[in-house]
N, C-alpha and C. Protein backbone atom coordinates (compact mmCIF):
# COMPACT_ATOMS: atom_id res chain seq x y z
N MET A 1 1.62 -0.39 38.15
CA MET A 1 1.33 0.91 38.07
C MET A 1 0.58 1.43 38.67
N LEU A 2 -0.92 1.17 39.36
CA LEU A 2 -1.53 1.50 40.28
C LEU A 2 -0.75 1.34 41.61
N LYS A 3 -0.15 0.23 41.83
CA LYS A 3 0.40 -0.01 43.40
C LYS A 3 1.66 1.19 43.61
N ASP A 4 2.73 1.39 42.22
CA ASP A 4 3.70 2.29 42.67
C ASP A 4 3.20 3.64 42.81
N ALA A 5 1.99 4.10 42.11
CA ALA A 5 1.16 5.37 42.43
C ALA A 5 0.62 5.63 43.49
N LEU A 6 0.21 4.55 44.06
CA LEU A 6 -0.37 4.31 45.72
C LEU A 6 1.04 4.71 46.53
N PHE A 7 1.91 3.99 46.44
CA PHE A 7 3.01 4.30 47.37
C PHE A 7 3.80 5.33 47.19
N THR A 8 3.40 5.82 46.03
CA THR A 8 4.00 7.22 45.85
C THR A 8 3.06 8.28 46.78
N TYR A 9 1.97 8.37 46.72
CA TYR A 9 0.68 8.91 47.72
C TYR A 9 1.21 8.78 48.59
N LEU A 10 1.17 7.55 49.13
CA LEU A 10 1.65 7.29 50.60
C LEU A 10 2.83 8.57 51.13
N ILE A 11 3.97 8.22 50.65
CA ILE A 11 4.78 8.60 50.84
C ILE A 11 5.05 9.97 50.91
N VAL A 12 4.43 11.02 49.99
CA VAL A 12 3.97 12.30 50.24
C VAL A 12 3.19 12.69 51.04
N ILE A 13 1.58 11.98 50.98
CA ILE A 13 0.99 12.39 51.97
C ILE A 13 1.26 12.11 53.78
N ASN A 14 2.22 10.88 53.74
CA ASN A 14 3.17 10.61 55.03
C ASN A 14 4.19 11.74 55.60
N VAL A 15 5.19 12.29 54.28
CA VAL A 15 5.72 13.29 54.51
C VAL A 15 5.31 14.95 54.36
N LEU A 16 4.71 15.02 54.15
CA LEU A 16 3.31 16.41 54.43
C LEU A 16 3.30 16.16 55.81
N ALA A 17 2.35 14.91 56.27
CA ALA A 17 1.48 15.04 57.26
C ALA A 17 2.73 15.39 58.70
N PHE A 18 3.75 14.45 58.51
CA PHE A 18 5.27 15.03 59.53
C PHE A 18 5.49 16.27 59.76
N ILE A 19 5.57 16.88 58.44
CA ILE A 19 6.25 18.06 58.25
C ILE A 19 5.16 19.43 59.02
N MET A 20 3.96 19.09 58.65
CA MET A 20 2.62 20.16 59.28
C MET A 20 2.58 20.01 60.54
N TYR A 21 2.75 18.63 61.22
CA TYR A 21 2.35 18.31 62.62
C TYR A 21 4.14 19.08 63.25
N GLY A 22 5.19 19.60 62.24
CA GLY A 22 5.99 20.01 63.34
C GLY A 22 5.88 21.55 63.07
N ILE A 23 5.52 22.49 61.84
CA ILE A 23 5.00 23.91 61.75
C ILE A 23 3.78 24.01 62.64
N ASP A 24 2.98 23.29 63.01
CA ASP A 24 1.82 23.32 64.04
C ASP A 24 2.49 23.61 65.21
N LYS A 25 3.45 22.64 65.74
CA LYS A 25 4.01 23.01 67.16
C LYS A 25 5.17 24.21 67.24
N ILE A 26 5.64 24.64 66.36
CA ILE A 26 6.55 25.62 66.52
C ILE A 26 5.57 26.93 66.32
N LYS A 27 4.40 27.01 65.56
CA LYS A 27 3.49 27.72 65.76
C LYS A 27 3.02 27.82 67.04
N ALA A 28 2.29 26.67 67.42
CA ALA A 28 2.09 26.76 68.90
C ALA A 28 3.17 27.61 69.87
N VAL A 29 4.42 27.26 69.67
CA VAL A 29 5.58 27.20 70.84
C VAL A 29 5.48 29.32 70.68
N LYS A 30 5.50 29.84 69.51
CA LYS A 30 5.53 31.25 69.49
C LYS A 30 4.28 31.79 68.99
N GLY A 31 3.06 31.05 69.44
CA GLY A 31 1.68 31.47 69.81
C GLY A 31 1.33 32.42 68.72
N ALA A 32 1.77 31.72 67.39
CA ALA A 32 1.07 32.26 65.92
C ALA A 32 -0.04 31.56 65.46
N TRP A 33 -1.15 31.97 64.44
CA TRP A 33 -1.91 31.11 63.98
C TRP A 33 -1.55 29.68 63.77
N ARG A 34 -2.30 28.78 64.34
CA ARG A 34 -2.03 27.50 63.95
C ARG A 34 -3.04 26.56 62.92
N ILE A 35 -2.23 25.55 62.41
CA ILE A 35 -3.24 24.48 62.08
C ILE A 35 -4.24 23.57 62.30
N SER A 36 -5.15 23.55 61.95
CA SER A 36 -6.81 23.06 62.57
C SER A 36 -6.19 21.58 62.75
N GLU A 37 -6.76 21.56 64.36
CA GLU A 37 -6.84 20.04 64.21
C GLU A 37 -7.52 18.86 63.67
N SER A 38 -8.87 19.73 62.64
CA SER A 38 -9.38 18.81 62.22
C SER A 38 -8.57 18.25 60.58
N PHE A 39 -7.63 19.06 60.53
CA PHE A 39 -7.38 19.40 59.13
C PHE A 39 -5.67 18.07 59.29
N LEU A 40 -5.25 18.48 60.82
CA LEU A 40 -4.07 17.19 60.69
C LEU A 40 -4.59 16.17 61.11
N ILE A 41 -6.23 16.03 61.60
CA ILE A 41 -6.61 14.22 61.88
C ILE A 41 -6.95 14.06 60.74
N THR A 42 -7.60 14.96 59.40
CA THR A 42 -7.54 14.91 57.80
C THR A 42 -6.29 14.50 57.24
N LEU A 43 -5.11 14.75 57.27
CA LEU A 43 -4.01 14.19 56.88
C LEU A 43 -3.85 12.74 57.47
N ALA A 44 -3.85 12.50 58.54
CA ALA A 44 -3.78 11.15 58.72
C ALA A 44 -5.27 9.93 58.23
N ALA A 45 -6.33 10.77 58.22
CA ALA A 45 -7.42 9.93 57.64
C ALA A 45 -7.36 9.76 56.13
N LEU A 46 -6.53 10.32 55.50
CA LEU A 46 -6.35 10.18 53.96
C LEU A 46 -4.95 9.54 53.43
N GLY A 47 -4.38 8.86 54.64
CA GLY A 47 -3.38 8.39 54.47
C GLY A 47 -2.16 8.46 54.80
N GLY A 48 -1.82 9.59 55.79
CA GLY A 48 -0.68 10.01 56.48
C GLY A 48 -0.73 9.79 57.99
N GLY A 49 -1.03 8.65 58.45
CA GLY A 49 -1.04 8.27 59.41
C GLY A 49 0.12 7.94 60.25
N ALA A 50 1.30 7.40 59.37
CA ALA A 50 2.64 7.04 59.84
C ALA A 50 3.37 8.44 60.21
N GLY A 51 2.85 9.33 59.43
CA GLY A 51 3.43 10.51 59.12
C GLY A 51 3.31 11.19 60.50
N ALA A 52 2.08 11.21 60.59
CA ALA A 52 1.47 11.79 61.94
C ALA A 52 2.05 11.58 63.17
N LEU A 53 1.56 9.84 63.19
CA LEU A 53 2.28 9.68 64.36
C LEU A 53 3.58 9.74 64.43
N ALA A 54 4.18 9.65 63.62
CA ALA A 54 6.11 10.17 63.60
C ALA A 54 5.99 11.81 64.43
N GLY A 55 5.37 12.37 63.58
CA GLY A 55 5.38 14.16 63.64
C GLY A 55 4.92 14.36 64.96
N MET A 56 4.35 13.17 65.78
CA MET A 56 3.80 13.29 67.52
C MET A 56 4.84 13.02 68.32
N ARG A 57 5.47 12.41 67.64
CA ARG A 57 6.62 11.57 68.89
C ARG A 57 7.79 12.07 68.56
N ALA A 58 8.12 13.19 67.11
CA ALA A 58 9.04 13.88 67.41
C ALA A 58 8.93 15.12 67.75
N TRP A 59 7.96 15.58 67.42
CA TRP A 59 7.68 17.38 67.99
C TRP A 59 7.22 17.30 69.06
N HIS A 60 6.82 16.21 69.76
CA HIS A 60 6.03 16.11 70.84
C HIS A 60 4.85 17.14 71.32
N HIS A 61 3.77 16.66 69.83
CA HIS A 61 2.86 17.64 69.95
C HIS A 61 1.62 16.66 69.59
N LYS A 62 0.56 17.42 70.08
CA LYS A 62 -0.64 16.09 70.37
C LYS A 62 -1.05 15.32 70.93
N THR A 63 0.02 14.85 71.52
CA THR A 63 -0.07 13.30 72.38
C THR A 63 -0.69 13.41 73.21
N ARG A 64 -1.03 14.66 73.98
CA ARG A 64 -1.85 14.14 75.08
C ARG A 64 -3.61 14.34 74.79
N LYS A 65 -4.18 14.76 73.66
CA LYS A 65 -5.44 14.96 73.34
C LYS A 65 -5.80 13.36 72.57
N TRP A 66 -7.22 13.31 72.94
CA TRP A 66 -7.65 11.76 72.91
C TRP A 66 -7.84 11.83 71.20
N LYS A 67 -8.57 12.51 70.66
CA LYS A 67 -8.93 12.04 69.85
C LYS A 67 -7.45 11.59 68.24
N PHE A 68 -6.50 12.50 68.70
CA PHE A 68 -5.42 12.30 68.64
C PHE A 68 -4.49 10.76 68.10
N LYS A 69 -4.74 10.62 69.71
CA LYS A 69 -4.30 9.25 70.49
C LYS A 69 -4.83 7.82 69.76
N ILE A 70 -6.09 8.38 69.78
CA ILE A 70 -7.15 7.17 68.95
C ILE A 70 -6.69 7.34 67.48
N LEU A 71 -7.54 7.92 67.41
CA LEU A 71 -7.30 8.06 65.83
C LEU A 71 -6.08 8.07 65.06
N VAL A 72 -5.36 8.95 65.06
CA VAL A 72 -3.98 8.79 64.59
C VAL A 72 -3.76 7.28 63.82
N PRO A 73 -3.25 6.54 65.55
CA PRO A 73 -2.95 5.25 64.81
C PRO A 73 -4.33 4.17 64.58
N LEU A 74 -5.50 4.63 64.57
CA LEU A 74 -6.32 3.76 64.32
C LEU A 74 -6.39 3.93 62.27
N PHE A 75 -6.12 5.19 62.12
CA PHE A 75 -5.83 5.48 60.48
C PHE A 75 -4.80 4.70 59.96
N LEU A 76 -3.92 4.74 60.50
CA LEU A 76 -2.22 3.79 60.19
C LEU A 76 -2.62 2.30 60.52
N VAL A 77 -4.09 2.07 61.12
CA VAL A 77 -3.87 0.30 60.66
C VAL A 77 -5.00 0.22 60.00
N ILE A 78 -5.92 0.88 59.69
CA ILE A 78 -6.98 0.99 58.21
C ILE A 78 -6.34 1.19 57.36
N TRP A 79 -5.22 1.74 57.27
CA TRP A 79 -4.60 1.65 55.77
C TRP A 79 -3.36 0.88 55.34
N THR A 80 -2.72 0.09 56.61
CA THR A 80 -1.86 -0.67 56.50
C THR A 80 -2.48 -2.07 55.67
N ALA A 81 -3.87 -2.32 56.89
CA ALA A 81 -4.69 -3.52 56.49
C ALA A 81 -5.19 -3.03 54.45
N GLY A 82 -5.54 -2.09 54.49
CA GLY A 82 -5.64 -2.06 53.00
C GLY A 82 -5.00 -1.92 52.12
N LEU A 83 -3.72 -1.70 52.17
CA LEU A 83 -2.39 -1.62 51.77
C LEU A 83 -2.47 -2.86 51.18
N LEU A 84 -2.56 -4.09 52.83
CA LEU A 84 -1.84 -5.14 52.69
C LEU A 84 -2.55 -6.17 51.24
N VAL A 85 -4.14 -5.70 51.80
CA VAL A 85 -4.90 -6.18 50.96
C VAL A 85 -5.00 -6.07 49.12
N VAL A 86 -4.61 -4.87 49.10
CA VAL A 86 -4.59 -4.23 47.62
C VAL A 86 -3.51 -4.90 46.77
N THR A 87 -2.36 -4.86 47.91
CA THR A 87 -1.25 -5.38 47.34
C THR A 87 -1.04 -7.32 47.50
N GLY A 88 -1.98 -7.38 47.99
CA GLY A 88 -2.11 -8.77 47.72
C GLY A 88 -1.32 -10.03 49.02
N ASN A 89 -0.90 -8.68 49.86
CA ASN A 89 0.10 -10.02 50.92
C ASN A 89 -0.90 -10.13 52.01
N TRP A 90 -2.07 -9.80 52.11
CA TRP A 90 -3.07 -9.96 53.20
C TRP A 90 -3.49 -12.04 53.18
N ARG A 91 -2.95 -12.16 54.10
CA ARG A 91 -3.30 -14.06 54.60
C ARG A 91 -4.30 -14.08 55.60
C-alpha cells in the first residue's frame, strides 16, 4: 500500500515537474513572468528529478545553468537509491 502511494506520488511530481519546466520555457520565450528557479529545483528535490531532467532536455531549458546541471541529476540519483532501498531491491 505504501509502495503504491509512493509510486503514485512520484508519477505526479515528475509529470508536474516536466510541465512546469515547459511552462517556464514558454514564459521565457514570451518575456512573461517566470517560475522561480528555486521552485523548479524544489520540484526535483521533492522527487521530480526525472521529470525535471526530461523537461530540461525536451524544452532545452535551464541546460546551461550549473545548479540545474548538477542538482537535478543528483536529486534523481538520490531518489532512485532511496526507492531501491524502500522497495527492497537494493543489493
